Amino acid sequence: MIRRFVMIVIIIILASSFASPAYCDDMLKKLGRGFCNLVTFPLEVPEQIQRTNIDEGPMAAMTWGPIKGISMMCVRAAAGVYEIVTFPFPIPKDFKPLLTDPEFFLEDKSW
C-alpha cells in the first residue's frame, strides 16, 4: 500500500514538472507565430492603408498608408524569420513575441 502511494506521488511530481502553465508562451507557439508572420507579411500594405484611411482620412491613406504598409511589411517579415530561426531558444525571455500589437496579423487588439 505504501509502495503504491509513493509511486503515485512520484508520478504526480514528474508529470507536474514537465507541464507548463497555460498562460506562458512556448517554442511551438513561437514557431507558429514565425510562420504566420512569413505568410501574412504582404498583407500589411493594404491593411495599413485601410487603417490610415479610417484614422486619418483618404488623403493620408493614399500617401502615408503605403509607406506605413511597406515598413510594417518589412518588420513582420523580419520578425517571422527571427522567430523561426530562434524558436528552440527562450529569446526574448519566456518566448515572448517580438510584435505585440497585434501579435498575429489581423488579431483584434481588444482581446
C-alpha atoms as a PDB file:
ATOM      1  CA  MET A   1       0.000   0.000   0.000  1.00  0.00           C
ATOM      2  CA  ILE A   2       2.775   2.460   0.913  1.00  0.00           C
ATOM      3  CA  ARG A   3       4.730   1.452  -2.171  1.00  0.00           C
ATOM      4  CA  ARG A   4       1.735   2.250  -4.405  1.00  0.00           C
ATOM      5  CA  PHE A   5       1.252   5.633  -2.672  1.00  0.00           C
ATOM      6  CA  VAL A   6       4.927   6.515  -3.151  1.00  0.00           C
ATOM      7  CA  MET A   7       4.750   5.578  -6.849  1.00  0.00           C
ATOM      8  CA  ILE A   8       1.654   7.753  -7.353  1.00  0.00           C
ATOM      9  CA  VAL A   9       3.353  10.706  -5.641  1.00  0.00           C
ATOM     10  CA  ILE A  10       6.464  10.265  -7.810  1.00  0.00           C
ATOM     11  CA  ILE A  11       4.362  10.107 -10.976  1.00  0.00           C
ATOM     12  CA  ILE A  12       2.448  13.259  -9.999  1.00  0.00           C
ATOM     13  CA  ILE A  13       5.669  15.123  -9.259  1.00  0.00           C
ATOM     14  CA  LEU A  14       7.229  14.077 -12.559  1.00  0.00           C
ATOM     15  CA  ALA A  15       4.108  14.900 -14.550  1.00  0.00           C
ATOM     16  CA  SER A  16       3.747  18.320 -12.968  1.00  0.00           C
ATOM     17  CA  SER A  17       7.404  19.176 -13.535  1.00  0.00           C
ATOM     18  CA  PHE A  18       7.010  18.746 -17.309  1.00  0.00           C
ATOM     19  CA  ALA A  19       3.752  20.683 -17.566  1.00  0.00           C
ATOM     20  CA  SER A  20       3.942  24.346 -18.460  1.00  0.00           C
ATOM     21  CA  PRO A  21       1.426  26.939 -17.295  1.00  0.00           C
ATOM     22  CA  ALA A  22      -1.291  27.686 -19.838  1.00  0.00           C
ATOM     23  CA  TYR A  23      -0.592  31.407 -19.913  1.00  0.00           C
ATOM     24  CA  CYS A  24       3.077  31.048 -20.930  1.00  0.00           C
ATOM     25  CA  ASP A  25       4.310  31.040 -24.476  1.00  0.00           C
ATOM     26  CA  ASP A  26       6.297  28.070 -25.658  1.00  0.00           C
ATOM     27  CA  MET A  27       8.563  27.167 -28.546  1.00  0.00           C
ATOM     28  CA  LEU A  28       5.783  25.767 -30.737  1.00  0.00           C
ATOM     29  CA  LYS A  29       3.727  28.943 -30.433  1.00  0.00           C
ATOM     30  CA  LYS A  30       6.843  30.935 -31.304  1.00  0.00           C
ATOM     31  CA  LEU A  31       7.367  28.759 -34.388  1.00  0.00           C
ATOM     32  CA  GLY A  32       3.720  29.221 -35.361  1.00  0.00           C
ATOM     33  CA  ARG A  33       3.998  32.991 -34.950  1.00  0.00           C
ATOM     34  CA  GLY A  34       7.044  32.968 -37.212  1.00  0.00           C
ATOM     35  CA  PHE A  35       5.295  31.020 -39.966  1.00  0.00           C
ATOM     36  CA  CYS A  36       2.186  33.182 -39.622  1.00  0.00           C
ATOM     37  CA  ASN A  37       4.293  36.328 -39.988  1.00  0.00           C
ATOM     38  CA  LEU A  38       6.043  34.948 -43.081  1.00  0.00           C
ATOM     39  CA  VAL A  39       2.757  34.043 -44.732  1.00  0.00           C
ATOM     40  CA  THR A  40       0.883  37.255 -43.931  1.00  0.00           C
ATOM     41  CA  PHE A  41       3.570  39.942 -44.257  1.00  0.00           C
ATOM     42  CA  PRO A  42       2.484  41.061 -47.778  1.00  0.00           C
ATOM     43  CA  LEU A  43      -0.992  41.811 -46.442  1.00  0.00           C
ATOM     44  CA  GLU A  44       0.394  44.608 -44.255  1.00  0.00           C
ATOM     45  CA  VAL A  45       0.304  47.112 -47.140  1.00  0.00           C
ATOM     46  CA  PRO A  46      -3.471  47.046 -47.749  1.00  0.00           C
ATOM     47  CA  GLU A  47      -4.134  46.696 -44.022  1.00  0.00           C
ATOM     48  CA  GLN A  48      -2.098  49.792 -43.139  1.00  0.00           C
ATOM     49  CA  ILE A  49      -3.722  51.744 -45.969  1.00  0.00           C
ATOM     50  CA  GLN A  50      -7.147  50.807 -44.607  1.00  0.00           C
ATOM     51  CA  ARG A  51      -6.197  51.681 -41.005  1.00  0.00           C
ATOM     52  CA  THR A  52      -4.745  55.018 -42.109  1.00  0.00           C
ATOM     53  CA  ASN A  53      -7.918  55.762 -44.066  1.00  0.00           C
ATOM     54  CA  ILE A  54     -10.063  55.071 -41.002  1.00  0.00           C
ATOM     55  CA  ASP A  55      -7.831  57.013 -38.605  1.00  0.00           C
ATOM     56  CA  GLU A  56      -6.641  59.944 -40.719  1.00  0.00           C
ATOM     57  CA  GLY A  57      -8.723  60.075 -43.917  1.00  0.00           C
ATOM     58  CA  PRO A  58      -8.336  59.231 -47.605  1.00  0.00           C
ATOM     59  CA  MET A  59      -5.532  61.670 -48.445  1.00  0.00           C
ATOM     60  CA  ALA A  60      -3.331  60.257 -45.716  1.00  0.00           C
ATOM     61  CA  ALA A  61      -4.268  56.742 -46.820  1.00  0.00           C
ATOM     62  CA  MET A  62      -3.040  57.470 -50.361  1.00  0.00           C
ATOM     63  CA  THR A  63       0.267  58.968 -49.235  1.00  0.00           C
ATOM     64  CA  TRP A  64       1.206  57.798 -45.756  1.00  0.00           C
ATOM     65  CA  GLY A  65      -0.640  54.450 -45.853  1.00  0.00           C
ATOM     66  CA  PRO A  66       1.640  52.697 -48.372  1.00  0.00           C
ATOM     67  CA  ILE A  67       4.738  53.924 -46.541  1.00  0.00           C
ATOM     68  CA  LYS A  68       3.427  52.537 -43.260  1.00  0.00           C
ATOM     69  CA  GLY A  69       2.433  49.325 -45.032  1.00  0.00           C
ATOM     70  CA  ILE A  70       5.826  48.740 -46.614  1.00  0.00           C
ATOM     71  CA  SER A  71       7.629  49.444 -43.338  1.00  0.00           C
ATOM     72  CA  MET A  72       5.322  47.123 -41.371  1.00  0.00           C
ATOM     73  CA  MET A  73       5.699  44.509 -44.103  1.00  0.00           C
ATOM     74  CA  CYS A  74       9.480  44.548 -43.580  1.00  0.00           C
ATOM     75  CA  VAL A  75       9.095  44.432 -39.800  1.00  0.00           C
ATOM     76  CA  ARG A  76       6.653  41.495 -39.913  1.00  0.00           C
ATOM     77  CA  ALA A  77       8.849  39.532 -42.361  1.00  0.00           C
ATOM     78  CA  ALA A  78      11.970  40.109 -40.253  1.00  0.00           C
ATOM     79  CA  ALA A  79      10.133  39.119 -37.072  1.00  0.00           C
ATOM     80  CA  GLY A  80       8.891  35.954 -38.789  1.00  0.00           C
ATOM     81  CA  VAL A  81      12.369  34.918 -39.899  1.00  0.00           C
ATOM     82  CA  TYR A  82      13.806  35.703 -36.459  1.00  0.00           C
ATOM     83  CA  GLU A  83      11.138  33.692 -34.634  1.00  0.00           C
ATOM     84  CA  ILE A  84      11.543  30.686 -36.938  1.00  0.00           C
ATOM     85  CA  VAL A  85      15.332  30.680 -36.586  1.00  0.00           C
ATOM     86  CA  THR A  86      15.306  31.143 -32.804  1.00  0.00           C
ATOM     87  CA  PHE A  87      12.191  29.123 -31.895  1.00  0.00           C
ATOM     88  CA  PRO A  88      14.045  26.496 -29.796  1.00  0.00           C
ATOM     89  CA  PHE A  89      15.585  29.178 -27.575  1.00  0.00           C
ATOM     90  CA  PRO A  90      13.693  31.270 -24.981  1.00  0.00           C
ATOM     91  CA  ILE A  91      14.801  34.552 -26.552  1.00  0.00           C
ATOM     92  CA  PRO A  92      13.250  37.030 -25.638  1.00  0.00           C
ATOM     93  CA  LYS A  93      12.540  35.816 -22.133  1.00  0.00           C
ATOM     94  CA  ASP A  94       9.894  33.061 -21.900  1.00  0.00           C
ATOM     95  CA  PHE A  95       9.304  33.015 -25.701  1.00  0.00           C
ATOM     96  CA  LYS A  96       7.509  36.381 -25.630  1.00  0.00           C
ATOM     97  CA  PRO A  97       6.525  37.761 -29.058  1.00  0.00           C
ATOM     98  CA  LEU A  98       8.524  40.466 -30.810  1.00  0.00           C
ATOM     99  CA  LEU A  99       5.378  42.045 -32.256  1.00  0.00           C
ATOM    100  CA  THR A 100       2.802  42.600 -29.548  1.00  0.00           C
ATOM    101  CA  ASP A 101       0.275  44.975 -31.052  1.00  0.00           C
ATOM    102  CA  PRO A 102      -1.073  42.742 -32.587  1.00  0.00           C
ATOM    103  CA  GLU A 103       0.850  39.523 -32.031  1.00  0.00           C
ATOM    104  CA  PHE A 104      -0.739  37.851 -35.080  1.00  0.00           C
ATOM    105  CA  PHE A 105      -1.845  39.618 -38.276  1.00  0.00           C
ATOM    106  CA  LEU A 106      -5.454  40.909 -38.115  1.00  0.00           C
ATOM    107  CA  GLU A 107      -5.731  39.917 -34.482  1.00  0.00           C
ATOM    108  CA  ASP A 108      -8.278  42.005 -32.631  1.00  0.00           C
ATOM    109  CA  LYS A 109      -6.480  44.237 -30.122  1.00  0.00           C
ATOM    110  CA  SER A 110      -9.356  44.189 -27.639  1.00  0.00           C
ATOM    111  CA  TRP A 111      -8.817  40.569 -26.565  1.00  0.00           C
END
